[in-house]
Amino acid sequence: MENKNPSSLGFFMPAEWECHEGTWLQWPHDDMHQDSQVRLEHLWIAMTAALHNDEIVHITVPDERGYDHLVQQLTYYGINQNQIDIHRIPTNDVWSRDNGPIFLINDRGDLAITSWNFNGWGERYPFDKDRLVPESVSEVLGLPLFTAPITLEGGAIEVNGKGTLIATRTSIINPNRNPGLSQEQVESAIKEYLGINHIIWLSGAPREFCDAVGDETDLHVDEFARFVNESTVLYTWTDDKNHSFYPYLKQHLIELQAAETESGKSLTLVPLPLPENKMYSTLQTSSTPPFKAVPSLAVYANFLIANKVVLVPVYGDVNDAQALDIIADHFPGRQIISLPAQVTAELGGMMHCVTQQQPIAPIKL
């Protein structure tokens, strides 16, 4: 089904809070960043433990050695392996949201996979293996694969499941991903391959700013605006007019205030604070001193909504409790699980960035 139009066949991307069959993780290994496995594995164990009671956790490992190691880790930490589904799929990195499959459903109960020509966030990082993950997943699950005619990452889109999508222009309508394509052409591809009929564009920020603040995604929307129901959006905010993000967050707020859903309803907007403290990466950017302090992008909006839990990044920050309370107010039926996210923040993402949900398609009688 490659390069056919899934929307015309009734497929669409559901909201994240709708029922999951499972969640996908790409297990850290040392062919990624130096010491990735030892630095990140404890957090992947924690995410797996939090998710596996209420949905399947699908995990990719690069090879047989990685498989044996993961089984040992799951056994040691007492995780029910009947809820774990391991696949040997080579990867360059851990960012399942961005390079992994984006799943679609239809009203007949069918599931399909879309692939979006991942290119390492504008060729910033190696992507030869990550680019093939959606195809590999479609093969192991026996699901149809649709390859879109544009490049984007899963973290660059946010949907309400009813036809509305939010995105930042700078992360998609960008010459490092889609050179020569107009906004109209990009919108057409998104609508045809995600079953979307209405798009809310936020401005984002230029690459120079993104690189300076440690955001190599060109300002993915999943760090700044998240649907929590069909018309309510939690948005990243600070009252500090001297904060480097303030001009961009203010512009996002203006655009969200002017926006409507596919049904013409205004958005209900709820601010989610930025962490108060400035954080810097512990990773060295050069081999000789003096070492330059590189900012780590830390936000609370990069949470994952799962079947019975919401995984929320925290940082030991004075604003952690407030952010957790705000998120909890919008998910009264789910347990809010806070996970220390400094080690992923310094690499460029948090809980949402390293996960990808696989939905269950409802069957309408």
Protein backbone atom coordinates (compact mmCIF):
# COMPACT_ATOMS: atom_id res chain seq x y z
CA MET A 1 0.00 0.00 0.00
CA GLU A 2 3.01 2.25 -0.18
CA ASN A 3 2.29 5.82 -1.32
CA LYS A 4 -1.49 5.34 -1.35
CA ASN A 5 -3.75 7.68 0.56
CA PRO A 6 -4.84 6.20 3.93
CA SER A 7 -7.40 8.94 4.58
CA SER A 8 -9.36 7.92 1.50
CA LEU A 9 -9.53 4.41 2.97
CA GLY A 10 -11.00 5.67 6.23
CA PHE A 11 -7.83 5.68 8.34
CA PHE A 12 -7.05 8.42 10.85
CA MET A 13 -4.76 9.07 13.80
CA PRO A 14 -6.58 8.74 17.14
CA ALA A 15 -5.92 10.87 20.21
CA GLU A 16 -3.26 9.66 22.61
CA TRP A 17 -5.73 9.21 25.48
CA GLU A 18 -7.76 6.67 23.52
CA CYS A 19 -7.24 3.00 24.33
CA HIS A 20 -3.77 1.59 23.63
CA GLU A 21 -2.88 -1.96 22.70
CA GLY A 22 0.64 -1.06 23.76
CA THR A 23 3.53 1.39 23.76
CA TRP A 24 6.80 1.12 21.79
CA LEU A 25 10.25 1.78 23.23
CA GLN A 26 13.66 1.63 21.54
CA TRP A 27 16.02 0.21 24.16
CA PRO A 28 19.23 2.20 24.72
CA HIS A 29 22.47 0.56 23.62
CA ASP A 30 26.05 1.72 23.31
CA ASP A 31 26.06 1.99 19.53
CA MET A 32 24.06 5.14 20.20
CA HIS A 33 25.69 7.86 22.31
CA GLN A 34 28.66 6.95 24.46
CA ASP A 35 27.52 5.16 27.62
CA SER A 36 23.86 5.40 26.53
CA GLN A 37 22.97 2.06 28.02
CA VAL A 38 24.38 2.69 31.49
CA ARG A 39 23.07 6.28 31.55
CA LEU A 40 19.55 5.61 30.29
CA GLU A 41 18.61 2.03 31.06
CA HIS A 42 17.33 2.68 34.59
CA LEU A 43 14.78 5.12 33.17
CA TRP A 44 13.67 2.68 30.47
CA ILE A 45 13.18 0.04 33.19
CA ALA A 46 11.06 2.52 35.16
CA MET A 47 8.92 3.36 32.12
CA THR A 48 8.45 -0.33 31.31
CA ALA A 49 7.46 -1.09 34.90
CA ALA A 50 4.95 1.78 34.92
CA LEU A 51 3.34 0.81 31.61
CA HIS A 52 3.32 -2.98 31.52
CA ASN A 53 0.49 -3.66 33.98
CA ASP A 54 -2.13 -2.12 31.71
CA GLU A 55 -0.80 -2.51 28.17
CA ILE A 56 1.81 -4.38 26.18
CA VAL A 57 5.27 -2.81 26.08
CA HIS A 58 6.82 -3.39 22.65
CA ILE A 59 10.60 -3.06 22.80
CA THR A 60 13.19 -3.00 20.03
CA VAL A 61 16.73 -4.25 20.65
CA PRO A 62 19.50 -4.15 18.05
CA ASP A 63 20.59 -7.80 18.09
CA GLU A 64 20.69 -11.13 19.96
CA ARG A 65 23.09 -9.77 22.57
CA GLY A 66 20.70 -6.92 23.25
CA TYR A 67 17.83 -9.38 23.54
CA ASP A 68 19.62 -11.54 26.11
CA HIS A 69 20.62 -8.48 28.13
CA LEU A 70 17.07 -7.09 28.15
CA VAL A 71 15.56 -10.39 29.28
CA GLN A 72 18.05 -10.48 32.15
CA GLN A 73 17.14 -6.93 33.16
CA LEU A 74 13.39 -7.61 33.04
CA THR A 75 13.86 -10.77 35.10
CA TYR A 76 16.00 -9.01 37.70
CA TYR A 77 13.50 -6.19 38.16
CA GLY A 78 10.51 -8.53 38.37
CA ILE A 79 8.68 -7.30 35.28
CA ASN A 80 5.98 -9.64 33.96
CA GLN A 81 7.38 -10.69 30.61
CA ASN A 82 3.96 -11.86 29.42
CA GLN A 83 3.32 -8.14 28.95
CA ILE A 84 6.56 -7.55 27.04
CA ASP A 85 7.01 -7.97 23.27
CA ILE A 86 10.65 -7.82 22.13
CA HIS A 87 11.76 -7.34 18.52
CA ARG A 88 15.26 -7.35 17.08
CA ILE A 89 15.24 -4.14 15.03
CA PRO A 90 18.46 -2.10 14.61
CA THR A 91 18.27 1.55 15.69
CA ASN A 92 20.53 4.60 15.77
CA ASP A 93 18.90 6.14 18.83
CA VAL A 94 16.07 5.99 21.39
CA TRP A 95 13.54 8.49 20.03
CA SER A 96 10.61 6.21 19.17
CA ARG A 97 8.20 9.13 18.88
CA ASP A 98 10.15 10.71 16.07
CA ASN A 99 11.42 7.85 13.93
CA GLY A 100 9.00 5.08 14.85
CA PRO A 101 5.68 4.10 13.28
CA ILE A 102 2.72 6.45 13.55
CA PHE A 103 -0.34 4.22 13.83
CA LEU A 104 -3.71 4.84 12.20
CA ILE A 105 -7.09 3.20 12.83
CA ASN A 106 -10.42 3.00 11.03
CA ASP A 107 -13.98 2.31 12.10
CA ARG A 108 -13.81 -1.31 10.91
CA GLY A 109 -11.20 -2.15 13.54
CA ASP A 110 -8.24 -2.11 11.15
CA LEU A 111 -4.79 -0.80 12.03
CA ALA A 112 -2.19 0.67 9.67
CA ILE A 113 1.27 2.22 9.93
CA THR A 114 2.61 5.42 8.42
CA SER A 115 6.25 6.21 7.74
CA TRP A 116 7.49 9.80 7.38
CA ASN A 117 10.99 9.55 5.86
CA PHE A 118 12.87 10.31 9.07
CA ASN A 119 16.11 12.20 8.34
CA GLY A 120 17.68 12.73 11.75
CA TRP A 121 15.95 16.07 12.49
CA GLY A 122 17.26 17.71 9.37
CA GLU A 123 20.35 15.49 9.08
CA ARG A 124 21.70 16.55 12.46
CA TYR A 125 22.34 12.92 13.49
CA PRO A 126 22.74 9.48 11.85
CA PHE A 127 19.40 8.03 10.76
CA ASP A 128 20.08 5.13 8.38
CA LYS A 129 18.68 2.51 10.81
CA ASP A 130 16.01 4.63 12.47
CA ARG A 131 14.51 5.54 9.10
CA LEU A 132 13.65 1.85 8.51
CA VAL A 133 11.92 1.20 11.85
CA PRO A 134 8.33 1.81 10.63
CA GLU A 135 8.86 -0.62 7.76
CA SER A 136 10.30 -3.23 10.13
CA VAL A 137 7.38 -2.83 12.55
CA SER A 138 4.85 -3.17 9.73
CA GLU A 139 6.53 -6.42 8.72
CA VAL A 140 6.64 -7.97 12.20
CA LEU A 141 3.03 -6.98 12.93
CA GLY A 142 1.72 -7.78 9.44
CA LEU A 143 0.18 -4.32 9.05
CA PRO A 144 -0.13 -2.21 5.89
CA LEU A 145 2.46 0.53 5.51
CA PHE A 146 1.80 3.96 3.99
CA THR A 147 4.86 6.09 3.20
CA ALA A 148 4.07 9.79 3.20
CA PRO A 149 5.52 12.15 0.57
CA ILE A 150 7.00 14.52 3.19
CA THR A 151 9.37 14.32 6.14
CA LEU A 152 8.22 14.91 9.70
CA GLU A 153 8.67 13.41 13.16
CA GLY A 154 5.97 12.13 15.50
CA GLY A 155 6.87 14.75 18.10
CA ALA A 156 6.10 17.45 15.55
CA ILE A 157 2.36 16.72 15.57
CA GLU A 158 -0.38 16.79 18.21
CA VAL A 159 -3.92 15.58 17.44
CA ASN A 160 -7.27 15.62 19.21
CA GLY A 161 -8.56 12.49 17.46
CA LYS A 162 -11.44 14.38 15.82
CA GLY A 163 -9.62 15.93 12.90
CA THR A 164 -7.54 18.75 14.38
CA LEU A 165 -3.74 18.80 14.47
CA ILE A 166 -1.33 21.32 16.04
CA ALA A 167 2.22 21.74 14.71
CA THR A 168 5.01 24.31 14.58
CA ARG A 169 5.99 25.57 11.15
CA THR A 170 9.71 25.55 11.91
CA SER A 171 9.79 21.81 12.57
CA ILE A 172 8.04 20.78 9.33
CA ILE A 173 7.92 23.60 6.75
CA ASN A 174 11.67 23.73 6.82
CA PRO A 175 14.32 23.29 4.10
CA ASN A 176 16.18 20.76 6.27
CA ARG A 177 13.19 18.42 6.00
CA ASN A 178 10.95 19.49 3.14
CA PRO A 179 12.93 21.72 0.79
CA GLY A 180 10.89 23.50 -1.84
CA LEU A 181 7.50 22.49 -0.45
CA SER A 182 4.87 25.08 0.32
CA GLN A 183 2.64 25.11 3.39
CA GLU A 184 -0.24 24.03 1.16
CA GLN A 185 1.69 20.97 -0.08
CA VAL A 186 2.73 20.02 3.46
CA GLU A 187 -0.84 20.40 4.71
CA SER A 188 -2.17 18.25 1.90
CA ALA A 189 0.20 15.40 2.81
CA ILE A 190 -0.62 15.63 6.52
CA LYS A 191 -4.35 15.54 5.84
CA GLU A 192 -4.11 12.61 3.44
CA TYR A 193 -1.77 10.47 5.57
CA LEU A 194 -3.15 11.20 9.07
CA GLY A 195 -6.86 11.64 8.35
CA ILE A 196 -6.72 15.28 9.47
CA ASN A 197 -9.03 18.02 8.21
CA HIS A 198 -7.94 21.04 10.27
CA ILE A 199 -4.44 22.29 11.16
CA ILE A 200 -3.44 24.85 13.77
CA TRP A 201 0.00 26.25 13.01
CA LEU A 202 2.24 27.71 15.70
CA SER A 203 5.21 29.79 14.61
CA GLY A 204 7.99 27.90 16.38
CA ALA A 205 11.46 29.46 16.40
CA PRO A 206 14.47 29.79 14.08
CA ARG A 207 17.20 27.18 14.09
CA GLU A 208 19.76 29.52 15.63
CA PHE A 209 17.60 29.92 18.72
CA CYS A 210 16.73 26.21 18.90
CA ASP A 211 20.38 25.16 18.76
CA ALA A 212 21.32 27.74 21.40
CA VAL A 213 18.75 26.44 23.91
CA GLY A 214 19.41 22.74 23.30
CA ASP A 215 16.36 22.00 21.09
CA GLU A 216 17.55 20.20 17.98
CA THR A 217 14.01 19.44 16.77
CA ASP A 218 13.34 23.00 15.56
CA LEU A 219 10.73 23.31 18.33
CA HIS A 220 8.54 20.22 18.24
CA VAL A 221 4.99 20.89 19.34
CA ASP A 222 5.01 18.09 21.95
CA GLU A 223 7.21 20.30 24.12
CA PHE A 224 4.85 23.28 23.99
CA ALA A 225 1.17 22.43 23.30
CA ARG A 226 -0.66 19.22 24.18
CA PHE A 227 -4.31 18.27 23.77
CA VAL A 228 -5.78 16.67 26.90
CA ASN A 229 -9.27 16.42 25.43
CA GLU A 230 -10.90 17.46 22.16
CA SER A 231 -10.59 21.20 22.80
CA THR A 232 -8.36 21.70 25.88
CA VAL A 233 -4.66 22.38 25.41
CA LEU A 234 -1.96 22.53 28.06
CA TYR A 235 0.65 24.99 26.84
CA THR A 236 4.17 25.68 28.08
CA TRP A 237 4.42 29.12 29.66
CA THR A 238 6.51 31.50 31.74
CA ASP A 239 5.61 34.93 33.15
CA ASP A 240 9.29 35.92 33.06
CA LYS A 241 9.57 38.36 30.16
CA ASN A 242 13.36 38.08 30.34
CA HIS A 243 13.29 34.33 29.75
CA SER A 244 14.80 33.41 26.39
CA PHE A 245 11.67 31.43 25.46
CA TYR A 246 9.22 34.17 26.36
CA PRO A 247 8.82 35.81 22.90
CA TYR A 248 8.15 32.45 21.26
CA LEU A 249 5.80 31.24 23.98
CA LYS A 250 3.92 34.54 23.81
CA GLN A 251 3.48 34.16 20.05
CA HIS A 252 2.28 30.57 20.52
CA LEU A 253 -0.28 31.78 23.07
CA ILE A 254 -1.58 34.44 20.69
CA GLU A 255 -1.97 31.82 17.96
CA LEU A 256 -3.69 29.33 20.28
CA GLN A 257 -6.09 32.01 21.51
CA ALA A 258 -7.11 32.70 17.91
CA ALA A 259 -7.44 29.02 17.00
CA GLU A 260 -10.49 26.80 16.77
CA THR A 261 -11.06 23.06 16.55
CA GLU A 262 -12.41 21.33 13.46
CA SER A 263 -15.94 22.00 14.76
CA GLY A 264 -15.33 25.73 15.20
CA LYS A 265 -14.95 25.57 18.99
CA SER A 266 -12.41 27.85 20.68
CA LEU A 267 -9.63 26.15 22.61
CA THR A 268 -9.63 26.01 26.40
CA LEU A 269 -6.05 26.96 27.29
CA VAL A 270 -4.26 25.97 30.50
CA PRO A 271 -0.70 27.18 31.22
CA LEU A 272 1.94 24.66 32.24
CA PRO A 273 4.99 26.31 33.84
CA LEU A 274 8.53 25.95 32.67
CA PRO A 275 10.94 24.60 35.28
CA GLU A 276 12.39 27.46 37.31
CA ASN A 277 15.99 26.31 37.32
CA LYS A 278 18.27 26.47 34.32
CA MET A 279 19.75 23.07 33.48
CA TYR A 280 22.88 22.25 31.55
CA SER A 281 24.07 19.09 29.88
CA THR A 282 26.75 17.01 31.58
CA LEU A 283 27.84 15.71 28.19
CA GLN A 284 31.12 17.10 26.95
CA THR A 285 30.99 18.80 23.57
CA SER A 286 34.76 18.78 23.14
CA SER A 287 37.66 16.67 24.34
CA THR A 288 39.77 19.49 25.72
CA PRO A 289 39.01 22.21 28.27
CA PRO A 290 37.57 24.70 28.69
CA PHE A 291 34.31 22.79 28.33
CA LYS A 292 31.28 24.81 27.25
CA ALA A 293 28.08 24.51 29.27
CA VAL A 294 25.32 23.44 26.87
CA PRO A 295 21.70 24.15 27.91
CA SER A 296 19.29 21.25 28.42
CA LEU A 297 15.73 21.85 27.28
CA ALA A 298 13.44 20.85 30.14
CA VAL A 299 9.64 21.04 29.93
CA TYR A 300 6.69 19.31 31.59
CA ALA A 301 4.51 19.16 28.46
CA ASN A 302 6.47 16.19 27.12
CA PHE A 303 4.34 13.66 29.03
CA LEU A 304 2.96 10.33 27.77
CA ILE A 305 -0.73 9.50 28.18
CA ALA A 306 -1.12 5.72 28.58
CA ASN A 307 -4.11 3.51 29.45
CA LYS A 308 -4.04 3.89 33.23
CA VAL A 309 -1.06 6.17 33.85
CA VAL A 310 0.48 9.43 32.66
CA LEU A 311 4.28 9.50 32.64
CA VAL A 312 5.46 13.03 33.46
CA PRO A 313 9.06 14.29 33.34
CA VAL A 314 10.31 15.99 36.52
CA TYR A 315 13.62 17.61 37.40
CA GLY A 316 13.76 18.13 41.16
CA ASP A 317 12.55 21.65 40.41
CA VAL A 318 10.45 24.01 42.49
CA ASN A 319 7.74 23.88 39.78
CA ASP A 320 7.53 20.07 39.62
CA ALA A 321 4.61 19.81 42.08
CA GLN A 322 2.57 22.51 40.37
CA ALA A 323 3.03 20.92 36.96
CA LEU A 324 2.06 17.49 38.29
CA ASP A 325 -1.09 18.91 39.87
CA ILE A 326 -2.14 20.65 36.65
CA ILE A 327 -1.68 17.49 34.61
CA ALA A 328 -3.45 15.37 37.25
CA ASP A 329 -6.48 17.70 37.13
CA HIS A 330 -7.00 16.71 33.49
CA PHE A 331 -6.57 12.95 33.95
CA PRO A 332 -8.61 12.06 37.04
CA GLY A 333 -8.87 8.40 36.03
CA ARG A 334 -5.15 7.89 35.55
CA GLN A 335 -2.25 7.59 37.97
CA ILE A 336 0.30 10.38 37.53
CA ILE A 337 3.81 8.90 37.61
CA SER A 338 6.72 11.33 37.81
CA LEU A 339 10.03 10.23 36.33
CA PRO A 340 13.33 12.09 36.73
CA ALA A 341 14.14 13.21 33.21
CA GLN A 342 17.46 15.05 33.44
CA VAL A 343 19.34 12.37 31.54
CA THR A 344 16.97 12.47 28.58
CA ALA A 345 16.54 16.25 28.69
CA GLU A 346 20.24 16.75 28.12
CA LEU A 347 19.91 14.60 25.00
CA GLY A 348 16.94 16.61 23.77
CA GLY A 349 13.70 15.01 24.96
CA MET A 350 11.63 13.40 27.68
CA MET A 351 8.91 10.75 28.18
CA HIS A 352 6.84 11.57 25.10
CA CYS A 353 9.88 11.72 22.83
CA VAL A 354 11.01 8.18 23.64
CA THR A 355 7.61 6.44 23.41
CA GLN A 356 5.06 5.74 20.69
CA GLN A 357 1.57 4.41 21.38
CA GLN A 358 -0.09 1.63 19.39
CA PRO A 359 -3.86 2.15 19.53
CA ILE A 360 -6.72 -0.31 19.50
CA ALA A 361 -9.15 0.44 16.70
CA PRO A 362 -12.79 0.48 17.79
CA ILE A 363 -15.33 -1.44 15.72
CA LYS A 364 -18.54 0.48 15.06
CA LEU A 365 -21.56 -1.79 14.70
